[in-house]
Amino acid sequence: MVRICYNSKTMAGNKRKKISPTTVVNRRARFDYALGDEIVAGIVLTGLEVRAARDGHVQLKGAFVTVKKNELWLNNASFSLKLNDKTAESRSVDTSARKLLASRRQIDSFVASKQQGMTIVPTKILTSGKYIKVVIALGKGKKTYDKRETIKRRDQDRDTRREMKQA
């Protein structure tokens, strides 16, 4: 005779905490560059970096993509890594270069555009699925007067939305 005992603590402990998918957006890229073609590329990360990305402790401000030996590398992206100290909630910021995973055709098209004077800029980090992905785009740097026009247009849109909401 086989008896099966269910401990109420273990049954309740099987429920996992739901983690909402976070998307880290590089808002500065839309302001500084006129963005064009986008691709979604994978990124090579360690376990601590994956945890930081899923928790939203990543900053893309000032990040850029370079091409070395026909490979794409993400530079200057800040990952705030949680250290395994038991004493305090300590974090370390890591800005080392990380390899991006894209198809050969996508890399070749981005290399050709980069040789024509375009910049490759990371715009988002997607953490909703099984893998962590980076959305990178080709960008042409904006001049100061273009940035002023963007600010002016954004203020006008905000005013019209406010007027529509009040009416």
N, C-alpha and C. Protein backbone atom coordinates (compact mmCIF):
# COMPACT_ATOMS: atom_id res chain seq x y z
N MET A 1 0.83 -1.17 0.00
CA MET A 1 0.00 0.00 0.00
C MET A 1 0.89 1.24 0.00
N VAL A 2 0.58 2.16 -0.90
CA VAL A 2 1.35 3.38 -1.05
C VAL A 2 0.51 4.55 -0.56
N ARG A 3 1.08 5.31 0.34
CA ARG A 3 0.39 6.50 0.83
C ARG A 3 1.06 7.73 0.27
N ILE A 4 0.27 8.63 -0.20
CA ILE A 4 0.80 9.88 -0.74
C ILE A 4 0.38 10.99 0.21
N CYS A 5 1.37 11.68 0.75
CA CYS A 5 1.09 12.79 1.66
C CYS A 5 1.44 14.09 0.96
N TYR A 6 0.54 15.00 1.03
CA TYR A 6 0.78 16.32 0.47
C TYR A 6 0.94 17.30 1.60
N ASN A 7 2.07 17.94 1.64
CA ASN A 7 2.31 18.96 2.64
C ASN A 7 1.75 20.27 2.10
N SER A 8 0.96 20.93 2.90
CA SER A 8 0.32 22.16 2.43
C SER A 8 1.34 23.25 2.15
N LYS A 9 2.47 23.22 2.85
CA LYS A 9 3.49 24.24 2.62
C LYS A 9 4.15 24.06 1.26
N THR A 10 4.41 22.84 0.85
CA THR A 10 5.07 22.64 -0.43
C THR A 10 4.13 22.91 -1.59
N MET A 11 2.86 22.60 -1.40
CA MET A 11 1.91 22.86 -2.48
C MET A 11 1.74 24.36 -2.70
N ALA A 12 1.70 25.11 -1.63
CA ALA A 12 1.56 26.56 -1.75
C ALA A 12 2.85 27.19 -2.23
N GLY A 13 3.98 26.56 -1.92
CA GLY A 13 5.27 27.12 -2.29
C GLY A 13 5.60 26.95 -3.76
N ASN A 14 4.83 26.15 -4.50
CA ASN A 14 5.11 25.93 -5.91
C ASN A 14 4.70 27.10 -6.79
N LYS A 15 3.91 28.00 -6.26
CA LYS A 15 3.47 29.15 -7.07
C LYS A 15 4.62 30.11 -7.22
N ARG A 16 4.91 30.43 -8.44
CA ARG A 16 6.01 31.35 -8.71
C ARG A 16 5.49 32.77 -8.81
N LYS A 17 6.36 33.69 -8.46
CA LYS A 17 6.01 35.10 -8.56
C LYS A 17 6.02 35.50 -10.03
N LYS A 18 4.95 36.11 -10.49
CA LYS A 18 4.86 36.54 -11.88
C LYS A 18 5.71 37.79 -12.06
N ILE A 19 6.56 37.75 -13.05
CA ILE A 19 7.39 38.91 -13.37
C ILE A 19 6.83 39.56 -14.62
N SER A 20 6.50 40.82 -14.50
CA SER A 20 5.96 41.51 -15.67
C SER A 20 7.09 41.81 -16.64
N PRO A 21 6.86 41.62 -17.92
CA PRO A 21 7.92 41.88 -18.89
C PRO A 21 8.26 43.36 -18.93
N THR A 22 9.54 43.65 -18.85
CA THR A 22 9.99 45.03 -18.90
C THR A 22 10.68 45.28 -20.23
N THR A 23 10.47 46.45 -20.75
CA THR A 23 11.15 46.88 -21.96
C THR A 23 11.93 48.12 -21.63
N VAL A 24 13.24 48.06 -21.80
CA VAL A 24 14.09 49.20 -21.54
C VAL A 24 14.20 49.98 -22.84
N VAL A 25 13.83 51.26 -22.81
CA VAL A 25 13.78 52.09 -24.01
C VAL A 25 14.84 53.17 -23.94
N ASN A 26 15.53 53.38 -25.03
CA ASN A 26 16.52 54.45 -25.15
C ASN A 26 15.83 55.67 -25.75
N ARG A 27 15.22 56.50 -24.90
CA ARG A 27 14.46 57.66 -25.38
C ARG A 27 15.39 58.71 -25.99
N ARG A 28 16.62 58.76 -25.52
CA ARG A 28 17.57 59.75 -26.02
C ARG A 28 17.92 59.49 -27.49
N ALA A 29 17.87 58.23 -27.92
CA ALA A 29 18.20 57.89 -29.31
C ALA A 29 17.21 58.53 -30.27
N ARG A 30 15.92 58.52 -29.93
CA ARG A 30 14.92 59.15 -30.81
C ARG A 30 15.10 60.65 -30.89
N PHE A 31 15.64 61.24 -29.83
CA PHE A 31 15.85 62.68 -29.82
C PHE A 31 17.12 63.06 -30.59
N ASP A 32 18.18 62.28 -30.45
CA ASP A 32 19.47 62.63 -31.05
C ASP A 32 19.63 62.17 -32.49
N TYR A 33 18.84 61.18 -32.93
CA TYR A 33 19.02 60.60 -34.26
C TYR A 33 17.69 60.53 -35.00
N ALA A 34 17.78 60.66 -36.33
CA ALA A 34 16.64 60.35 -37.20
C ALA A 34 16.79 58.87 -37.53
N LEU A 35 15.93 58.05 -36.94
CA LEU A 35 16.10 56.60 -37.03
C LEU A 35 15.48 56.03 -38.31
N GLY A 36 16.11 54.98 -38.82
CA GLY A 36 15.65 54.33 -40.04
C GLY A 36 15.35 52.87 -39.80
N ASP A 37 16.01 51.98 -40.56
CA ASP A 37 15.76 50.55 -40.49
C ASP A 37 16.09 50.00 -39.11
N GLU A 38 15.27 49.07 -38.64
CA GLU A 38 15.48 48.42 -37.35
C GLU A 38 15.60 46.91 -37.53
N ILE A 39 16.41 46.29 -36.69
CA ILE A 39 16.44 44.83 -36.62
C ILE A 39 16.41 44.43 -35.14
N VAL A 40 15.96 43.21 -34.90
CA VAL A 40 15.97 42.65 -33.56
C VAL A 40 17.09 41.63 -33.51
N ALA A 41 18.04 41.85 -32.60
CA ALA A 41 19.20 40.97 -32.49
C ALA A 41 19.26 40.38 -31.09
N GLY A 42 19.82 39.19 -31.00
CA GLY A 42 20.05 38.59 -29.70
C GLY A 42 21.28 39.21 -29.06
N ILE A 43 21.47 38.95 -27.78
CA ILE A 43 22.63 39.50 -27.08
C ILE A 43 23.22 38.41 -26.19
N VAL A 44 24.54 38.35 -26.13
CA VAL A 44 25.23 37.35 -25.32
C VAL A 44 25.42 37.94 -23.93
N LEU A 45 24.79 37.31 -22.92
CA LEU A 45 24.84 37.82 -21.55
C LEU A 45 25.18 36.70 -20.58
N THR A 46 25.68 37.09 -19.42
CA THR A 46 25.89 36.14 -18.33
C THR A 46 24.63 36.09 -17.48
N GLY A 47 24.62 35.23 -16.49
CA GLY A 47 23.44 35.06 -15.64
C GLY A 47 23.09 36.32 -14.86
N LEU A 48 24.09 36.99 -14.30
CA LEU A 48 23.83 38.21 -13.55
C LEU A 48 23.30 39.32 -14.45
N GLU A 49 23.80 39.38 -15.68
CA GLU A 49 23.33 40.39 -16.62
C GLU A 49 21.89 40.12 -17.05
N VAL A 50 21.53 38.86 -17.20
CA VAL A 50 20.15 38.49 -17.55
C VAL A 50 19.21 38.93 -16.43
N ARG A 51 19.59 38.67 -15.18
CA ARG A 51 18.75 39.06 -14.05
C ARG A 51 18.60 40.57 -13.99
N ALA A 52 19.66 41.31 -14.25
CA ALA A 52 19.59 42.77 -14.25
C ALA A 52 18.67 43.27 -15.36
N ALA A 53 18.73 42.64 -16.54
CA ALA A 53 17.86 43.05 -17.65
C ALA A 53 16.40 42.74 -17.36
N ARG A 54 16.13 41.58 -16.79
CA ARG A 54 14.74 41.23 -16.47
C ARG A 54 14.17 42.11 -15.37
N ASP A 55 15.01 42.58 -14.45
CA ASP A 55 14.57 43.48 -13.39
C ASP A 55 14.48 44.93 -13.85
N GLY A 56 14.99 45.22 -15.06
CA GLY A 56 14.94 46.58 -15.59
C GLY A 56 16.10 47.45 -15.15
N HIS A 57 17.19 46.85 -14.67
CA HIS A 57 18.34 47.61 -14.21
C HIS A 57 19.38 47.74 -15.32
N VAL A 58 18.92 48.26 -16.48
CA VAL A 58 19.78 48.47 -17.64
C VAL A 58 19.55 49.89 -18.13
N GLN A 59 20.62 50.53 -18.56
CA GLN A 59 20.49 51.87 -19.11
C GLN A 59 21.18 51.91 -20.47
N LEU A 60 20.45 52.38 -21.49
CA LEU A 60 20.99 52.43 -22.85
C LEU A 60 21.43 53.84 -23.25
N LYS A 61 21.29 54.80 -22.37
CA LYS A 61 21.68 56.17 -22.70
C LYS A 61 23.19 56.22 -22.97
N GLY A 62 23.55 56.69 -24.13
CA GLY A 62 24.95 56.76 -24.51
C GLY A 62 25.49 55.47 -25.11
N ALA A 63 24.66 54.45 -25.26
CA ALA A 63 25.12 53.18 -25.83
C ALA A 63 25.17 53.29 -27.35
N PHE A 64 26.07 52.52 -27.95
CA PHE A 64 26.21 52.49 -29.41
C PHE A 64 26.69 51.12 -29.84
N VAL A 65 26.57 50.84 -31.13
CA VAL A 65 26.95 49.54 -31.68
C VAL A 65 28.12 49.74 -32.63
N THR A 66 29.14 48.91 -32.49
CA THR A 66 30.28 48.96 -33.39
C THR A 66 30.38 47.63 -34.14
N VAL A 67 31.18 47.66 -35.20
CA VAL A 67 31.42 46.46 -36.01
C VAL A 67 32.90 46.11 -35.89
N LYS A 68 33.18 44.90 -35.38
CA LYS A 68 34.55 44.40 -35.28
C LYS A 68 34.59 43.01 -35.90
N LYS A 69 35.42 42.82 -36.90
CA LYS A 69 35.58 41.53 -37.56
C LYS A 69 34.24 40.98 -38.05
N ASN A 70 33.43 41.83 -38.67
CA ASN A 70 32.11 41.48 -39.18
C ASN A 70 31.18 40.93 -38.09
N GLU A 71 31.31 41.43 -36.88
CA GLU A 71 30.40 41.10 -35.79
C GLU A 71 29.93 42.41 -35.16
N LEU A 72 28.69 42.41 -34.68
CA LEU A 72 28.14 43.59 -34.02
C LEU A 72 28.40 43.50 -32.52
N TRP A 73 28.83 44.61 -31.92
CA TRP A 73 29.12 44.67 -30.49
C TRP A 73 28.38 45.85 -29.88
N LEU A 74 27.70 45.62 -28.77
CA LEU A 74 27.01 46.68 -28.02
C LEU A 74 27.98 47.24 -27.00
N ASN A 75 28.25 48.54 -27.11
CA ASN A 75 29.20 49.20 -26.22
C ASN A 75 28.49 50.21 -25.33
N ASN A 76 29.01 50.38 -24.12
CA ASN A 76 28.59 51.43 -23.19
C ASN A 76 27.17 51.28 -22.67
N ALA A 77 26.60 50.09 -22.73
CA ALA A 77 25.29 49.84 -22.11
C ALA A 77 25.54 49.47 -20.65
N SER A 78 24.86 50.14 -19.74
CA SER A 78 25.11 49.96 -18.31
C SER A 78 24.18 48.89 -17.73
N PHE A 79 24.76 47.81 -17.24
CA PHE A 79 24.02 46.77 -16.55
C PHE A 79 24.36 46.89 -15.06
N SER A 80 23.36 47.11 -14.23
CA SER A 80 23.56 47.23 -12.79
C SER A 80 23.42 45.84 -12.18
N LEU A 81 24.55 45.19 -11.94
CA LEU A 81 24.58 43.81 -11.49
C LEU A 81 24.42 43.72 -9.99
N LYS A 82 23.54 42.82 -9.55
CA LYS A 82 23.33 42.59 -8.12
C LYS A 82 24.38 41.59 -7.65
N LEU A 83 25.21 42.03 -6.73
CA LEU A 83 26.27 41.17 -6.21
C LEU A 83 25.69 40.18 -5.22
N ASN A 84 26.37 39.09 -5.02
CA ASN A 84 25.88 38.02 -4.16
C ASN A 84 26.27 38.22 -2.70
N ASP A 85 26.31 39.46 -2.25
CA ASP A 85 26.61 39.73 -0.85
C ASP A 85 25.38 39.50 -0.01
N LYS A 86 25.53 38.81 1.08
CA LYS A 86 24.42 38.55 1.98
C LYS A 86 24.12 39.75 2.87
N THR A 87 25.10 40.64 3.02
CA THR A 87 24.98 41.72 3.99
C THR A 87 24.10 42.87 3.50
N ALA A 88 24.30 43.31 2.29
CA ALA A 88 23.59 44.51 1.85
C ALA A 88 23.10 44.34 0.42
N GLU A 89 22.27 45.24 0.02
CA GLU A 89 21.74 45.28 -1.34
C GLU A 89 22.74 46.05 -2.20
N SER A 90 23.86 45.44 -2.54
CA SER A 90 24.91 46.13 -3.27
C SER A 90 24.85 45.78 -4.75
N ARG A 91 25.15 46.78 -5.57
CA ARG A 91 25.12 46.60 -7.02
C ARG A 91 26.42 47.13 -7.62
N SER A 92 26.80 46.55 -8.74
CA SER A 92 27.99 46.98 -9.46
C SER A 92 27.58 47.28 -10.90
N VAL A 93 28.06 48.38 -11.45
CA VAL A 93 27.71 48.77 -12.81
C VAL A 93 28.77 48.24 -13.77
N ASP A 94 28.31 47.54 -14.81
CA ASP A 94 29.20 46.94 -15.80
C ASP A 94 28.87 47.53 -17.16
N THR A 95 29.87 48.12 -17.83
CA THR A 95 29.64 48.73 -19.14
C THR A 95 30.50 48.08 -20.22
N SER A 96 30.90 46.85 -20.04
CA SER A 96 31.76 46.19 -21.02
C SER A 96 30.99 45.89 -22.31
N ALA A 97 31.74 45.62 -23.38
CA ALA A 97 31.14 45.35 -24.69
C ALA A 97 30.51 43.96 -24.69
N ARG A 98 29.35 43.86 -25.36
CA ARG A 98 28.63 42.59 -25.45
C ARG A 98 28.33 42.28 -26.91
N LYS A 99 28.50 41.02 -27.27
CA LYS A 99 28.30 40.60 -28.66
C LYS A 99 26.81 40.50 -28.97
N LEU A 100 26.43 40.99 -30.16
CA LEU A 100 25.06 40.90 -30.63
C LEU A 100 24.97 39.78 -31.66
N LEU A 101 23.83 39.08 -31.64
CA LEU A 101 23.63 37.94 -32.53
C LEU A 101 22.62 38.31 -33.60
N ALA A 102 23.08 38.39 -34.84
CA ALA A 102 22.22 38.72 -35.97
C ALA A 102 22.65 37.87 -37.15
N SER A 103 21.80 37.81 -38.17
CA SER A 103 22.14 37.02 -39.35
C SER A 103 23.19 37.75 -40.19
N ARG A 104 23.88 37.00 -41.01
CA ARG A 104 24.95 37.57 -41.83
C ARG A 104 24.41 38.64 -42.76
N ARG A 105 23.23 38.43 -43.34
CA ARG A 105 22.62 39.40 -44.25
C ARG A 105 22.33 40.71 -43.53
N GLN A 106 21.80 40.63 -42.30
CA GLN A 106 21.51 41.84 -41.53
C GLN A 106 22.79 42.58 -41.18
N ILE A 107 23.82 41.85 -40.78
CA ILE A 107 25.08 42.48 -40.43
C ILE A 107 25.69 43.17 -41.64
N ASP A 108 25.67 42.51 -42.79
CA ASP A 108 26.24 43.10 -44.00
C ASP A 108 25.51 44.37 -44.42
N SER A 109 24.19 44.38 -44.29
CA SER A 109 23.45 45.60 -44.66
C SER A 109 23.75 46.74 -43.69
N PHE A 110 23.92 46.43 -42.41
CA PHE A 110 24.26 47.48 -41.44
C PHE A 110 25.68 47.98 -41.64
N VAL A 111 26.61 47.09 -42.01
CA VAL A 111 27.99 47.52 -42.27
C VAL A 111 28.03 48.44 -43.48
N ALA A 112 27.26 48.12 -44.53
CA ALA A 112 27.22 48.98 -45.72
C ALA A 112 26.66 50.35 -45.39
N SER A 113 25.63 50.39 -44.57
CA SER A 113 25.03 51.68 -44.18
C SER A 113 25.98 52.47 -43.28
N LYS A 114 26.72 51.78 -42.43
CA LYS A 114 27.68 52.46 -41.54
C LYS A 114 28.80 53.10 -42.35
N GLN A 115 29.20 52.45 -43.45
CA GLN A 115 30.24 53.03 -44.29
C GLN A 115 29.75 54.26 -45.03
N GLN A 116 28.43 54.41 -45.16
CA GLN A 116 27.86 55.60 -45.79
C GLN A 116 27.63 56.73 -44.80
N GLY A 117 28.04 56.55 -43.53
CA GLY A 117 27.95 57.62 -42.55
C GLY A 117 26.82 57.49 -41.55
N MET A 118 26.11 56.39 -41.57
CA MET A 118 25.03 56.19 -40.61
C MET A 118 25.62 55.64 -39.30
N THR A 119 24.85 55.78 -38.22
CA THR A 119 25.24 55.26 -36.91
C THR A 119 24.28 54.15 -36.52
N ILE A 120 24.80 53.13 -35.86
CA ILE A 120 23.95 52.03 -35.39
C ILE A 120 23.69 52.28 -33.90
N VAL A 121 22.41 52.43 -33.55
CA VAL A 121 22.02 52.82 -32.20
C VAL A 121 21.07 51.79 -31.61
N PRO A 122 21.28 51.36 -30.36
CA PRO A 122 20.29 50.49 -29.70
C PRO A 122 19.11 51.32 -29.23
N THR A 123 17.90 50.88 -29.52
CA THR A 123 16.71 51.64 -29.12
C THR A 123 15.92 50.99 -28.00
N LYS A 124 15.91 49.65 -27.92
CA LYS A 124 15.15 48.95 -26.89
C LYS A 124 15.85 47.66 -26.51
N ILE A 125 15.56 47.20 -25.29
CA ILE A 125 15.92 45.84 -24.87
C ILE A 125 14.61 45.15 -24.52
N LEU A 126 14.32 44.05 -25.19
CA LEU A 126 13.09 43.30 -24.99
C LEU A 126 13.36 42.10 -24.10
N THR A 127 12.62 41.98 -23.01
CA THR A 127 12.84 40.88 -22.08
C THR A 127 11.59 40.04 -21.88
N SER A 128 10.61 40.16 -22.77
CA SER A 128 9.33 39.50 -22.54
C SER A 128 9.37 38.00 -22.82
N GLY A 129 10.22 37.54 -23.72
CA GLY A 129 10.22 36.13 -24.08
C GLY A 129 11.27 35.33 -23.34
N LYS A 130 11.61 34.21 -23.91
CA LYS A 130 12.62 33.34 -23.32
C LYS A 130 14.01 33.96 -23.42
N TYR A 131 14.24 34.65 -24.51
CA TYR A 131 15.55 35.25 -24.76
C TYR A 131 15.47 36.77 -24.60
N ILE A 132 16.61 37.36 -24.34
CA ILE A 132 16.69 38.82 -24.23
C ILE A 132 17.18 39.33 -25.58
N LYS A 133 16.43 40.26 -26.15
CA LYS A 133 16.73 40.79 -27.49
C LYS A 133 17.00 42.29 -27.41
N VAL A 134 17.74 42.78 -28.38
CA VAL A 134 18.02 44.20 -28.50
C VAL A 134 17.52 44.67 -29.86
N VAL A 135 16.77 45.77 -29.87
CA VAL A 135 16.33 46.38 -31.12
C VAL A 135 17.35 47.45 -31.45
N ILE A 136 18.01 47.29 -32.60
CA ILE A 136 19.00 48.29 -33.03
C ILE A 136 18.51 48.91 -34.33
N ALA A 137 18.86 50.18 -34.51
CA ALA A 137 18.38 50.92 -35.67
C ALA A 137 19.52 51.73 -36.27
N LEU A 138 19.37 52.01 -37.56
CA LEU A 138 20.30 52.91 -38.23
C LEU A 138 19.83 54.34 -37.97
N GLY A 139 20.75 55.21 -37.63
CA GLY A 139 20.38 56.57 -37.33
C GLY A 139 21.31 57.57 -37.99
N LYS A 140 20.75 58.70 -38.35
CA LYS A 140 21.53 59.82 -38.87
C LYS A 140 21.44 60.91 -37.82
N GLY A 141 22.57 61.42 -37.38
CA GLY A 141 22.60 62.42 -36.30
C GLY A 141 21.83 63.68 -36.67
N LYS A 142 21.03 64.17 -35.72
CA LYS A 142 20.28 65.40 -35.93
C LYS A 142 21.14 66.60 -35.58
N LYS A 143 20.89 67.70 -36.25
CA LYS A 143 21.54 68.96 -35.94
C LYS A 143 20.77 69.63 -34.80
N THR A 144 21.32 70.70 -34.26
CA THR A 144 20.69 71.40 -33.14
C THR A 144 19.34 71.97 -33.53
N TYR A 145 19.23 72.53 -34.74
CA TYR A 145 17.95 73.12 -35.14
C TYR A 145 16.88 72.05 -35.35
N ASP A 146 17.29 70.84 -35.75
CA ASP A 146 16.32 69.74 -35.86
C ASP A 146 15.80 69.34 -34.47
N LYS A 147 16.68 69.35 -33.48
CA LYS A 147 16.27 69.01 -32.12
C LYS A 147 15.30 70.05 -31.58
N ARG A 148 15.57 71.33 -31.87
CA ARG A 148 14.66 72.39 -31.43
C ARG A 148 13.29 72.23 -32.06
N GLU A 149 13.26 71.85 -33.33
CA GLU A 149 11.99 71.64 -34.02
C GLU A 149 11.23 70.46 -33.41
N THR A 150 11.95 69.42 -33.02
CA THR A 150 11.33 68.27 -32.36
C THR A 150 10.68 68.68 -31.04
N ILE A 151 11.37 69.49 -30.27
CA ILE A 151 10.83 69.97 -29.00
C ILE A 151 9.60 70.82 -29.24
N LYS A 152 9.66 71.70 -30.25
CA LYS A 152 8.53 72.57 -30.56
C LYS A 152 7.31 71.75 -30.98
N ARG A 153 7.50 70.75 -31.83
CA ARG A 153 6.41 69.91 -32.29
C ARG A 153 5.80 69.11 -31.13
N ARG A 154 6.65 68.62 -30.24
CA ARG A 154 6.17 67.86 -29.08
C ARG A 154 5.33 68.75 -28.15
N ASP A 155 5.76 70.01 -27.96
CA ASP A 155 4.99 70.94 -27.13
C ASP A 155 3.65 71.28 -27.77
N GLN A 156 3.63 71.45 -29.08
CA GLN A 156 2.37 71.74 -29.77
C GLN A 156 1.41 70.56 -29.67
N ASP A 157 1.92 69.35 -29.84
CA ASP A 157 1.07 68.16 -29.71
C ASP A 157 0.50 68.03 -28.30
N ARG A 158 1.31 68.33 -27.30
CA ARG A 158 0.85 68.26 -25.92
C ARG A 158 -0.25 69.30 -25.67
N ASP A 159 -0.09 70.52 -26.22
CA ASP A 159 -1.10 71.56 -26.05
C ASP A 159 -2.41 71.19 -26.74
N THR A 160 -2.33 70.61 -27.94
CA THR A 160 -3.57 70.23 -28.63
C THR A 160 -4.29 69.09 -27.91
N ARG A 161 -3.53 68.12 -27.36
CA ARG A 161 -4.15 67.06 -26.57
C ARG A 161 -4.83 67.63 -25.33
N ARG A 162 -4.20 68.60 -24.70
CA ARG A 162 -4.79 69.22 -23.52
C ARG A 162 -6.07 69.96 -23.86
N GLU A 163 -6.08 70.65 -25.00
CA GLU A 163 -7.28 71.38 -25.45
C GLU A 163 -8.41 70.40 -25.79
N MET A 164 -8.07 69.29 -26.44
CA MET A 164 -9.09 68.30 -26.77
C MET A 164 -9.66 67.65 -25.52
N LYS A 165 -8.83 67.45 -24.53
CA LYS A 165 -9.28 66.81 -23.29
C LYS A 165 -10.21 67.74 -22.52
N GLN A 166 -9.93 69.05 -22.55
CA GLN A 166 -10.75 70.01 -21.81
C GLN A 166 -12.07 70.27 -22.51
N ALA A 167 -12.08 70.17 -23.84
CA ALA A 167 -13.30 70.47 -24.60
C ALA A 167 -14.31 69.37 -24.57
